[in-house]
PDB file of N, CA and C in Angstrom:
ATOM      1  N   MET A   1      93.314  99.471  70.951  1.00  0.00           N
ATOM      2  CA  MET A   1      93.646  98.658  72.052  1.00  0.00           C
ATOM      3  C   MET A   1      95.099  98.780  72.497  1.00  0.00           C
ATOM      4  N   LEU A   2      95.933  98.847  71.558  1.00  0.00           N
ATOM      5  CA  LEU A   2      97.390  98.953  71.849  1.00  0.00           C
ATOM      6  C   LEU A   2      97.676 100.319  72.536  1.00  0.00           C
ATOM      7  N   VAL A   3      96.962 101.296  72.150  1.00  0.00           N
ATOM      8  CA  VAL A   3      97.155 102.686  72.844  1.00  0.00           C
ATOM      9  C   VAL A   3      96.734 102.593  74.269  1.00  0.00           C
ATOM     10  N   LEU A   4      95.681 101.862  74.537  1.00  0.00           N
ATOM     11  CA  LEU A   4      95.187 101.737  75.910  1.00  0.00           C
ATOM     12  C   LEU A   4      96.216 100.929  76.773  1.00  0.00           C
ATOM     13  N   ILE A   5      96.777  99.907  76.165  1.00  0.00           N
ATOM     14  CA  ILE A   5      97.740  99.124  76.926  1.00  0.00           C
ATOM     15  C   ILE A   5      98.972  99.982  77.213  1.00  0.00           C
ATOM     16  N   LEU A   6      99.413 100.726  76.254  1.00  0.00           N
ATOM     17  CA  LEU A   6     100.619 101.614  76.436  1.00  0.00           C
ATOM     18  C   LEU A   6     100.330 102.720  77.493  1.00  0.00           C
ATOM     19  N   LEU A   7      99.072 103.271  77.402  1.00  0.00           N
ATOM     20  CA  LEU A   7      98.689 104.293  78.418  1.00  0.00           C
ATOM     21  C   LEU A   7      98.667 103.663  79.806  1.00  0.00           C
ATOM     22  N   GLY A   8      98.100 102.492  79.951  1.00  0.00           N
ATOM     23  CA  GLY A   8      98.090 101.792  81.175  1.00  0.00           C
ATOM     24  C   GLY A   8      99.467 101.555  81.779  1.00  0.00           C
ATOM     25  N   LEU A   9     100.403 101.126  80.864  1.00  0.00           N
ATOM     26  CA  LEU A   9     101.815 100.948  81.293  1.00  0.00           C
ATOM     27  C   LEU A   9     102.425 102.251  81.758  1.00  0.00           C
ATOM     28  N   ALA A  10     102.152 103.276  81.041  1.00  0.00           N
ATOM     29  CA  ALA A  10     102.672 104.639  81.492  1.00  0.00           C
ATOM     30  C   ALA A  10     102.017 105.056  82.765  1.00  0.00           C
ATOM     31  N   LEU A  11     100.807 104.694  82.979  1.00  0.00           N
ATOM     32  CA  LEU A  11     100.074 105.044  84.157  1.00  0.00           C
ATOM     33  C   LEU A  11     100.737 104.396  85.448  1.00  0.00           C
ATOM     34  N   VAL A  12     101.337 103.243  85.196  1.00  0.00           N
ATOM     35  CA  VAL A  12     101.997 102.570  86.301  1.00  0.00           C
ATOM     36  C   VAL A  12     103.408 103.049  86.428  1.00  0.00           C
ATOM     37  N   LEU A  13     104.130 103.286  85.355  1.00  0.00           N
ATOM     38  CA  LEU A  13     105.590 103.606  85.447  1.00  0.00           C
ATOM     39  C   LEU A  13     105.891 105.030  85.885  1.00  0.00           C
ATOM     40  N   VAL A  14     105.158 105.925  85.388  1.00  0.00           N
ATOM     41  CA  VAL A  14     105.457 107.407  85.604  1.00  0.00           C
ATOM     42  C   VAL A  14     105.259 107.802  87.067  1.00  0.00           C
ATOM     43  N   PRO A  15     104.189 107.422  87.738  1.00  0.00           N
ATOM     44  CA  PRO A  15     104.001 107.774  89.159  1.00  0.00           C
ATOM     45  C   PRO A  15     105.065 107.119  90.026  1.00  0.00           C
ATOM     46  N   GLY A  16     105.393 105.806  89.664  1.00  0.00           N
ATOM     47  CA  GLY A  16     106.397 105.112  90.358  1.00  0.00           C
ATOM     48  C   GLY A  16     107.796 105.792  90.299  1.00  0.00           C
ATOM     49  N   ALA A  17     108.095 106.266  89.070  1.00  0.00           N
ATOM     50  CA  ALA A  17     109.422 106.931  88.902  1.00  0.00           C
ATOM     51  C   ALA A  17     109.378 108.267  89.653  1.00  0.00           C
ATOM     52  N   LEU A  18     108.290 109.047  89.575  1.00  0.00           N
ATOM     53  CA  LEU A  18     108.219 110.275  90.302  1.00  0.00           C
ATOM     54  C   LEU A  18     108.311 110.126  91.790  1.00  0.00           C
ATOM     55  N   ALA A  19     107.636 109.038  92.343  1.00  0.00           N
ATOM     56  CA  ALA A  19     107.687 108.820  93.778  1.00  0.00           C
ATOM     57  C   ALA A  19     109.136 108.383  94.164  1.00  0.00           C
ATOM     58  N   TYR A  20     109.801 107.653  93.324  1.00  0.00           N
ATOM     59  CA  TYR A  20     111.181 107.246  93.608  1.00  0.00           C
ATOM     60  C   TYR A  20     112.080 108.489  93.652  1.00  0.00           C
ATOM     61  N   LEU A  21     111.865 109.346  92.666  1.00  0.00           N
ATOM     62  CA  LEU A  21     112.769 110.610  92.629  1.00  0.00           C
ATOM     63  C   LEU A  21     112.468 111.449  93.790  1.00  0.00           C
ATOM     64  N   ALA A  22     111.205 111.589  94.222  1.00  0.00           N
ATOM     65  CA  ALA A  22     110.863 112.346  95.456  1.00  0.00           C
ATOM     66  C   ALA A  22     111.465 111.702  96.682  1.00  0.00           C
ATOM     67  N   TYR A  23     111.460 110.368  96.706  1.00  0.00           N
ATOM     68  CA  TYR A  23     112.040 109.682  97.885  1.00  0.00           C
ATOM     69  C   TYR A  23     113.552 109.900  97.984  1.00  0.00           C
ATOM     70  N   ARG A  24     114.187 109.936  96.805  1.00  0.00           N
ATOM     71  CA  ARG A  24     115.643 110.000  96.792  1.00  0.00           C
ATOM     72  C   ARG A  24     116.143 111.489  96.876  1.00  0.00           C
ATOM     73  N   HIS A  25     115.389 112.414  96.389  1.00  0.00           N
ATOM     74  CA  HIS A  25     115.949 113.757  96.236  1.00  0.00           C
ATOM     75  C   HIS A  25     115.193 114.914  96.884  1.00  0.00           C
ATOM     76  N   LEU A  26     113.959 114.733  97.256  1.00  0.00           N
ATOM     77  CA  LEU A  26     113.159 115.784  97.846  1.00  0.00           C
ATOM     78  C   LEU A  26     112.612 115.361  99.221  1.00  0.00           C
ATOM     79  N   PRO A  27     113.429 115.425 100.295  1.00  0.00           N
ATOM     80  CA  PRO A  27     112.858 114.903 101.548  1.00  0.00           C
ATOM     81  C   PRO A  27     111.717 115.770 102.120  1.00  0.00           C
ATOM     82  N   ALA A  28     111.516 117.003 101.709  1.00  0.00           N
ATOM     83  CA  ALA A  28     110.465 117.850 102.220  1.00  0.00           C
ATOM     84  C   ALA A  28     109.071 117.373 101.691  1.00  0.00           C
ATOM     85  N   ARG A  29     109.069 116.760 100.523  1.00  0.00           N
ATOM     86  CA  ARG A  29     107.746 116.342  99.956  1.00  0.00           C
ATOM     87  C   ARG A  29     107.578 114.843 100.168  1.00  0.00           C
ATOM     88  N   GLY A  30     106.349 114.461 100.402  1.00  0.00           N
ATOM     89  CA  GLY A  30     106.122 113.041 100.604  1.00  0.00           C
ATOM     90  C   GLY A  30     105.996 112.333  99.228  1.00  0.00           C
ATOM     91  N   PRO A  31     106.776 111.253  99.110  1.00  0.00           N
ATOM     92  CA  PRO A  31     106.684 110.470  97.843  1.00  0.00           C
ATOM     93  C   PRO A  31     105.345 109.977  97.474  1.00  0.00           C
ATOM     94  N   MET A  32     104.488 109.649  98.483  1.00  0.00           N
ATOM     95  CA  MET A  32     103.211 109.214  98.233  1.00  0.00           C
ATOM     96  C   MET A  32     102.291 110.295  97.664  1.00  0.00           C
ATOM     97  N   THR A  33     102.455 111.501  98.132  1.00  0.00           N
ATOM     98  CA  THR A  33     101.680 112.591  97.649  1.00  0.00           C
ATOM     99  C   THR A  33     101.999 112.893  96.218  1.00  0.00           C
ATOM    100  N   ILE A  34     103.268 112.828  95.834  1.00  0.00           N
ATOM    101  CA  ILE A  34     103.679 113.069  94.444  1.00  0.00           C
ATOM    102  C   ILE A  34     103.204 111.985  93.551  1.00  0.00           C
ATOM    103  N   GLY A  35     103.247 110.703  94.050  1.00  0.00           N
ATOM    104  CA  GLY A  35     102.785 109.625  93.250  1.00  0.00           C
ATOM    105  C   GLY A  35     101.236 109.643  93.006  1.00  0.00           C
ATOM    106  N   VAL A  36     100.459 110.009  94.036  1.00  0.00           N
ATOM    107  CA  VAL A  36      99.054 110.154  93.913  1.00  0.00           C
ATOM    108  C   VAL A  36      98.696 111.317  92.948  1.00  0.00           C
ATOM    109  N   ALA A  37      99.385 112.410  93.038  1.00  0.00           N
ATOM    110  CA  ALA A  37      99.137 113.542  92.196  1.00  0.00           C
ATOM    111  C   ALA A  37      99.462 113.173  90.719  1.00  0.00           C
ATOM    112  N   ALA A  38     100.523 112.422  90.483  1.00  0.00           N
ATOM    113  CA  ALA A  38     100.767 111.984  89.144  1.00  0.00           C
ATOM    114  C   ALA A  38      99.717 111.028  88.626  1.00  0.00           C
ATOM    115  N   VAL A  39      99.233 110.131  89.436  1.00  0.00           N
ATOM    116  CA  VAL A  39      98.160 109.273  89.020  1.00  0.00           C
ATOM    117  C   VAL A  39      96.837 110.034  88.655  1.00  0.00           C
ATOM    118  N   ALA A  40      96.574 111.037  89.433  1.00  0.00           N
ATOM    119  CA  ALA A  40      95.391 111.890  89.229  1.00  0.00           C
ATOM    120  C   ALA A  40      95.582 112.703  87.926  1.00  0.00           C
ATOM    121  N   ALA A  41      96.755 113.235  87.704  1.00  0.00           N
ATOM    122  CA  ALA A  41      96.955 114.047  86.506  1.00  0.00           C
ATOM    123  C   ALA A  41      96.883 113.114  85.234  1.00  0.00           C
ATOM    124  N   MET A  42      97.477 111.915  85.313  1.00  0.00           N
ATOM    125  CA  MET A  42      97.527 111.027  84.172  1.00  0.00           C
ATOM    126  C   MET A  42      96.088 110.476  83.941  1.00  0.00           C
ATOM    127  N   ALA A  43      95.296 110.254  84.986  1.00  0.00           N
ATOM    128  CA  ALA A  43      93.945 109.716  84.854  1.00  0.00           C
ATOM    129  C   ALA A  43      93.105 110.832  84.173  1.00  0.00           C
ATOM    130  N   SER A  44      93.342 112.010  84.414  1.00  0.00           N
ATOM    131  CA  SER A  44      92.565 113.089  83.754  1.00  0.00           C
ATOM    132  C   SER A  44      92.900 113.203  82.256  1.00  0.00           C
ATOM    133  N   ILE A  45      94.044 112.798  81.936  1.00  0.00           N
ATOM    134  CA  ILE A  45      94.418 112.710  80.479  1.00  0.00           C
ATOM    135  C   ILE A  45      93.975 111.402  79.782  1.00  0.00           C
ATOM    136  N   VAL A  46      94.087 110.332  80.480  1.00  0.00           N
ATOM    137  CA  VAL A  46      93.770 109.021  79.868  1.00  0.00           C
ATOM    138  C   VAL A  46      92.244 108.779  79.728  1.00  0.00           C
ATOM    139  N   ASP A  47      91.530 109.294  80.706  1.00  0.00           N
ATOM    140  CA  ASP A  47      90.073 109.047  80.682  1.00  0.00           C
ATOM    141  C   ASP A  47      89.406 109.455  79.362  1.00  0.00           C
ATOM    142  N   PRO A  48      89.607 110.674  78.933  1.00  0.00           N
ATOM    143  CA  PRO A  48      88.909 111.082  77.659  1.00  0.00           C
ATOM    144  C   PRO A  48      89.385 110.132  76.468  1.00  0.00           C
ATOM    145  N   VAL A  49      90.626 109.741  76.499  1.00  0.00           N
ATOM    146  CA  VAL A  49      91.136 108.886  75.414  1.00  0.00           C
ATOM    147  C   VAL A  49      90.445 107.499  75.482  1.00  0.00           C
ATOM    148  N   ALA A  50      90.347 106.970  76.711  1.00  0.00           N
ATOM    149  CA  ALA A  50      89.725 105.630  76.858  1.00  0.00           C
ATOM    150  C   ALA A  50      88.230 105.613  76.546  1.00  0.00           C
ATOM    151  N   VAL A  51      87.562 106.767  76.741  1.00  0.00           N
ATOM    152  CA  VAL A  51      86.111 106.864  76.503  1.00  0.00           C
ATOM    153  C   VAL A  51      85.872 106.791  75.027  1.00  0.00           C
ATOM    154  N   ARG A  52      86.778 107.271  74.197  1.00  0.00           N
ATOM    155  CA  ARG A  52      86.588 107.213  72.744  1.00  0.00           C
ATOM    156  C   ARG A  52      86.415 105.802  72.363  1.00  0.00           C
TER     157      ARG A  52
END
């Protein structure tokens, strides 16, 4: 249960941090696109762990 809570916290923090970095440093890329891509990548990692 603790692992799922920590993964959920990381699922919220990492895309937010990436979107912030994209907003501050990469004007050519949309921050929303990077945030959504991070959520999709993390979901593909967390889903098999959560199913166990």
